[in-house]
Amino acid sequence: MAHTRTHVIQDPDLLVDQLEDGHLEVRENILDEDGHPTYHRYVLYPGAYTRDRDSRVQVIAQRVHTRQVIDAWKAAEAARGV
């Protein structure tokens, strides 16, 4: 099944995509211990803890992960038996 993806932030050090179900896919450009550029990727599901994330990601999650989106995600997870 194809997912609708919307670029929320697209700049040199951070890329955030929002999927239609409210998941946020995040790619941070960071430096490894040798100073070489690398990527760190992660996904935030609706209602996920975000206080330890980039402040821009926190703001997006607060706006996207409304109570309605969180409840719909939980219902979909329950329907899948997760």
Protein backbone atom coordinates (compact mmCIF):
# COMPACT_ATOMS: atom_id res chain seq x y z
CA MET A 1 0.00 0.00 0.00
CA ALA A 2 1.38 3.40 -0.96
CA HIS A 3 1.67 6.02 1.73
CA THR A 4 1.16 9.72 1.23
CA ARG A 5 4.27 11.56 2.40
CA THR A 6 4.58 15.28 3.02
CA HIS A 7 7.90 17.05 3.56
CA VAL A 8 7.44 19.12 6.72
CA ILE A 9 11.05 20.27 7.08
CA GLN A 10 13.69 19.93 4.42
CA ASP A 11 16.94 21.68 5.21
CA PRO A 12 20.61 20.63 5.20
CA ASP A 13 20.68 19.24 8.73
CA LEU A 14 17.13 17.94 9.22
CA LEU A 15 14.49 16.26 7.06
CA VAL A 16 11.05 15.48 8.49
CA ASP A 17 8.36 13.69 6.50
CA GLN A 18 4.80 13.21 7.72
CA LEU A 19 2.95 10.06 6.65
CA GLU A 20 -0.83 10.05 6.27
CA ASP A 21 -1.31 8.07 9.49
CA GLY A 22 0.60 10.67 11.52
CA HIS A 23 3.98 8.93 11.71
CA LEU A 24 6.94 11.28 11.40
CA GLU A 25 10.05 10.01 9.62
CA VAL A 26 13.09 12.00 10.71
CA ARG A 27 16.58 12.13 9.22
CA GLU A 28 19.18 14.16 11.10
CA ASN A 29 22.55 14.92 9.55
CA ILE A 30 25.14 14.55 12.30
CA LEU A 31 28.89 14.15 12.68
CA ASP A 32 30.28 10.82 13.84
CA GLU A 33 33.08 10.55 16.42
CA ASP A 34 35.67 11.13 13.67
CA GLY A 35 33.91 14.28 12.46
CA HIS A 36 32.53 12.70 9.30
CA PRO A 37 28.95 13.51 8.27
CA THR A 38 26.44 10.71 8.72
CA TYR A 39 22.69 10.27 9.08
CA HIS A 40 20.59 9.30 12.05
CA ARG A 41 17.08 8.14 11.11
CA TYR A 42 14.11 7.39 13.31
CA VAL A 43 10.32 7.23 13.22
CA LEU A 44 7.96 8.82 15.72
CA TYR A 45 4.53 7.25 15.99
CA PRO A 46 1.56 9.38 17.13
CA GLY A 47 1.91 10.06 20.85
CA ALA A 48 5.60 9.14 21.04
CA TYR A 49 7.87 10.78 23.62
CA THR A 50 9.70 13.67 21.94
CA ARG A 51 11.26 15.76 24.71
CA ASP A 52 14.71 14.38 23.91
CA ARG A 53 14.45 15.30 20.22
CA ASP A 54 15.41 18.38 18.21
CA SER A 55 13.16 21.31 19.18
CA ARG A 56 11.88 21.59 15.59
CA VAL A 57 10.81 17.94 15.69
CA GLN A 58 9.04 18.55 19.01
CA VAL A 59 7.03 21.43 17.55
CA ILE A 60 6.01 19.39 14.51
CA ALA A 61 5.01 16.41 16.66
CA GLN A 62 2.90 18.66 18.91
CA ARG A 63 1.06 20.03 15.87
CA VAL A 64 0.65 16.75 14.00
CA HIS A 65 0.00 14.37 16.90
CA THR A 66 -3.37 15.73 17.97
CA ARG A 67 -5.62 13.69 20.26
CA GLN A 68 -7.66 12.67 17.20
CA VAL A 69 -4.55 11.40 15.35
CA ILE A 70 -3.28 9.54 18.44
CA ASP A 71 -6.66 7.90 19.04
CA ALA A 72 -6.95 6.87 15.37
CA TRP A 73 -3.45 5.36 15.46
CA LYS A 74 -4.23 3.44 18.66
CA ALA A 75 -7.47 2.13 17.14
CA ALA A 76 -5.63 1.01 14.00
CA GLU A 77 -2.99 -0.76 16.13
CA ALA A 78 -5.73 -2.49 18.15
CA ALA A 79 -7.46 -3.60 14.95
CA ARG A 80 -4.18 -5.15 13.78
CA GLY A 81 -3.84 -6.91 17.12
CA VAL A 82 -0.75 -5.02 18.16
